[in-house]
Structures are given as structure tokens and as C-alpha cells.
């Protein structure tokens, strides 16, 4: 097992929106692969949403409700993307700290 300061922030939240962490030294274990897969899906969906946002914002006939929904979806995607970036940044920092 890893030490508490080397926990992996997972790409989903627990009860009440609290962060979930994984404590493992097996980066190829089932839970690590599941987290990697979900991160990949989240980033892919964010990319698709960004493309949709570009198209919607150039549409001068875009409905205000559609723009509100887009803003809500973009906010959620940004939150997930920041969680992925934070998790990966922590793991990169840990990997760098282990190098001689």
C-alpha cells in the first residue's frame, strides 16, 4: 500500500460530493484501470462538449435556455477536467519525487 500522502484522487465523488481516493501501489490494478478509463471518457466528453459550445456560440439564433444548459454542462465538464488534472498532477509530482 502507498502512504496516505500518495493517494490517487479518483474521477468521481462519494457521498455528499466528497472526493474519493485510491490507495494502491499497483497502477495496473482493476481500480486504477477503471479510474484511467473514466478519466479518458470524461476528457473525451469535454472535448465533444467544447466543440458543441463553439458551434452554439456562433449561432446568433441560439435560445437563451439552450445557452443556460450549455453553461451548466460546460461547468460540469470543467469540474471533471480539473479533477483529472489535479489527480494526474499529484501523481506526476509523486513520480518525480521518487526519482534519484
C-alpha atoms as a PDB file:
ATOM      1  CA  UNK A   1       0.000   0.000   0.000  1.00  0.00           C
ATOM      2  CA  UNK A   2       1.046   3.563  -0.568  1.00  0.00           C
ATOM      3  CA  UNK A   3       1.447   6.117   2.168  1.00  0.00           C
ATOM      4  CA  UNK A   4      -1.515   8.428   2.851  1.00  0.00           C
ATOM      5  CA  UNK A   5       0.131  11.359   1.069  1.00  0.00           C
ATOM      6  CA  UNK A   6       0.311   9.313  -2.167  1.00  0.00           C
ATOM      7  CA  UNK A   7      -3.393   8.649  -2.544  1.00  0.00           C
ATOM      8  CA  UNK A   8      -4.901   8.894  -6.014  1.00  0.00           C
ATOM      9  CA  UNK A   9      -7.808  11.283  -6.410  1.00  0.00           C
ATOM     10  CA  UNK A  10     -10.449   9.325  -8.287  1.00  0.00           C
ATOM     11  CA  UNK A  11     -12.521  10.860 -11.113  1.00  0.00           C
ATOM     12  CA  UNK A  12     -15.798  10.524  -9.220  1.00  0.00           C
ATOM     13  CA  UNK A  13     -17.222  11.850  -5.994  1.00  0.00           C
ATOM     14  CA  UNK A  14     -18.501   9.993  -2.997  1.00  0.00           C
ATOM     15  CA  UNK A  15     -21.500  10.707  -0.816  1.00  0.00           C
ATOM     16  CA  UNK A  16     -22.316  14.391  -0.438  1.00  0.00           C
ATOM     17  CA  UNK A  17     -19.874  15.241  -3.246  1.00  0.00           C
ATOM     18  CA  UNK A  18     -16.819  14.409  -1.179  1.00  0.00           C
ATOM     19  CA  UNK A  19     -13.672  13.330  -3.060  1.00  0.00           C
ATOM     20  CA  UNK A  20     -12.801   9.640  -3.337  1.00  0.00           C
ATOM     21  CA  UNK A  21      -9.233   8.370  -3.144  1.00  0.00           C
ATOM     22  CA  UNK A  22      -7.486   5.134  -4.038  1.00  0.00           C
ATOM     23  CA  UNK A  23      -4.614   3.779  -2.003  1.00  0.00           C
ATOM     24  CA  UNK A  24      -2.623   1.300  -4.057  1.00  0.00           C
ATOM     25  CA  UNK A  25       0.866   0.722  -5.334  1.00  0.00           C
ATOM     26  CA  UNK A  26      -0.499  -1.174  -8.368  1.00  0.00           C
ATOM     27  CA  UNK A  27      -1.044   1.356 -11.162  1.00  0.00           C
ATOM     28  CA  UNK A  28      -2.290  -1.518 -13.351  1.00  0.00           C
ATOM     29  CA  UNK A  29      -4.811  -2.851 -10.833  1.00  0.00           C
ATOM     30  CA  UNK A  30      -8.534  -3.057 -11.545  1.00  0.00           C
ATOM     31  CA  UNK A  31      -9.476   0.180  -9.763  1.00  0.00           C
ATOM     32  CA  UNK A  32      -6.575   2.096 -11.313  1.00  0.00           C
ATOM     33  CA  UNK A  33      -7.574   0.931 -14.797  1.00  0.00           C
ATOM     34  CA  UNK A  34     -11.210   1.802 -14.090  1.00  0.00           C
ATOM     35  CA  UNK A  35     -10.203   5.303 -12.966  1.00  0.00           C
ATOM     36  CA  UNK A  36      -7.994   5.708 -16.062  1.00  0.00           C
ATOM     37  CA  UNK A  37     -10.895   4.644 -18.287  1.00  0.00           C
ATOM     38  CA  UNK A  38     -13.359   7.033 -16.648  1.00  0.00           C
ATOM     39  CA  UNK A  39     -10.852   9.897 -16.870  1.00  0.00           C
ATOM     40  CA  UNK A  40     -10.440   9.189 -20.567  1.00  0.00           C
ATOM     41  CA  UNK A  41     -14.206   9.175 -21.097  1.00  0.00           C
ATOM     42  CA  UNK A  42     -14.625  12.423 -19.147  1.00  0.00           C
ATOM     43  CA  UNK A  43     -11.933  14.170 -21.181  1.00  0.00           C
ATOM     44  CA  UNK A  44     -13.416  12.880 -24.433  1.00  0.00           C
ATOM     45  CA  UNK A  45     -16.881  14.126 -23.484  1.00  0.00           C
ATOM     46  CA  UNK A  46     -15.422  17.509 -22.510  1.00  0.00           C
ATOM     47  CA  UNK A  47     -13.796  17.741 -25.948  1.00  0.00           C
ATOM     48  CA  UNK A  48     -17.106  16.978 -27.657  1.00  0.00           C
ATOM     49  CA  UNK A  49     -18.920  19.494 -25.456  1.00  0.00           C
ATOM     50  CA  UNK A  50     -16.354  22.168 -26.273  1.00  0.00           C
ATOM     51  CA  UNK A  51     -16.916  21.561 -29.985  1.00  0.00           C
ATOM     52  CA  UNK A  52     -20.675  21.855 -29.420  1.00  0.00           C
ATOM     53  CA  UNK A  53     -20.139  25.084 -27.445  1.00  0.00           C
ATOM     54  CA  UNK A  54     -18.143  26.640 -30.291  1.00  0.00           C
ATOM     55  CA  UNK A  55     -20.957  25.842 -32.743  1.00  0.00           C
ATOM     56  CA  UNK A  56     -23.673  27.072 -30.391  1.00  0.00           C
ATOM     57  CA  UNK A  57     -21.938  30.346 -29.590  1.00  0.00           C
ATOM     58  CA  UNK A  58     -21.576  31.324 -33.261  1.00  0.00           C
ATOM     59  CA  UNK A  59     -25.287  30.636 -33.798  1.00  0.00           C
ATOM     60  CA  UNK A  60     -26.934  34.047 -33.477  1.00  0.00           C
ATOM     61  CA  UNK A  61     -30.333  32.335 -33.131  1.00  0.00           C
ATOM     62  CA  UNK A  62     -29.288  30.331 -30.056  1.00  0.00           C
ATOM     63  CA  UNK A  63     -32.080  30.216 -27.495  1.00  0.00           C
ATOM     64  CA  UNK A  64     -31.262  31.644 -24.013  1.00  0.00           C
ATOM     65  CA  UNK A  65     -32.380  28.368 -22.393  1.00  0.00           C
ATOM     66  CA  UNK A  66     -30.033  26.441 -24.666  1.00  0.00           C
ATOM     67  CA  UNK A  67     -27.192  28.755 -23.604  1.00  0.00           C
ATOM     68  CA  UNK A  68     -28.025  28.212 -19.912  1.00  0.00           C
ATOM     69  CA  UNK A  69     -27.963  24.432 -20.399  1.00  0.00           C
ATOM     70  CA  UNK A  70     -24.677  24.749 -22.287  1.00  0.00           C
ATOM     71  CA  UNK A  71     -23.172  26.824 -19.462  1.00  0.00           C
ATOM     72  CA  UNK A  72     -24.296  24.220 -16.904  1.00  0.00           C
ATOM     73  CA  UNK A  73     -22.836  21.369 -18.980  1.00  0.00           C
ATOM     74  CA  UNK A  74     -19.582  23.261 -19.524  1.00  0.00           C
ATOM     75  CA  UNK A  75     -19.313  23.935 -15.788  1.00  0.00           C
ATOM     76  CA  UNK A  76     -19.697  20.219 -15.034  1.00  0.00           C
ATOM     77  CA  UNK A  77     -17.163  19.256 -17.702  1.00  0.00           C
ATOM     78  CA  UNK A  78     -14.686  21.825 -16.398  1.00  0.00           C
ATOM     79  CA  UNK A  79     -15.102  20.493 -12.860  1.00  0.00           C
ATOM     80  CA  UNK A  80     -14.388  16.927 -14.048  1.00  0.00           C
ATOM     81  CA  UNK A  81     -11.431  18.065 -16.147  1.00  0.00           C
ATOM     82  CA  UNK A  82      -9.922  19.938 -13.204  1.00  0.00           C
ATOM     83  CA  UNK A  83     -10.310  16.823 -11.041  1.00  0.00           C
ATOM     84  CA  UNK A  84      -8.460  14.763 -13.675  1.00  0.00           C
ATOM     85  CA  UNK A  85      -5.721  17.402 -13.949  1.00  0.00           C
ATOM     86  CA  UNK A  86      -5.347  17.591 -10.170  1.00  0.00           C
ATOM     87  CA  UNK A  87      -5.149  13.817  -9.866  1.00  0.00           C
ATOM     88  CA  UNK A  88      -2.605  13.496 -12.666  1.00  0.00           C
ATOM     89  CA  UNK A  89      -0.586  16.417 -11.354  1.00  0.00           C
ATOM     90  CA  UNK A  90      -0.336  14.824  -7.929  1.00  0.00           C
ATOM     91  CA  UNK A  91       0.786  11.538  -9.459  1.00  0.00           C
ATOM     92  CA  UNK A  92       3.386  13.280 -11.625  1.00  0.00           C
ATOM     93  CA  UNK A  93       4.717  15.115  -8.584  1.00  0.00           C
ATOM     94  CA  UNK A  94       4.925  11.862  -6.657  1.00  0.00           C
ATOM     95  CA  UNK A  95       6.671  10.057  -9.504  1.00  0.00           C
ATOM     96  CA  UNK A  96       9.181  12.888  -9.806  1.00  0.00           C
ATOM     97  CA  UNK A  97       9.840  12.830  -6.072  1.00  0.00           C
ATOM     98  CA  UNK A  98      10.777   9.144  -6.224  1.00  0.00           C
ATOM     99  CA  UNK A  99      13.435   9.653  -8.890  1.00  0.00           C
ATOM    100  CA  UNK A 100      17.013   9.926  -7.684  1.00  0.00           C
END
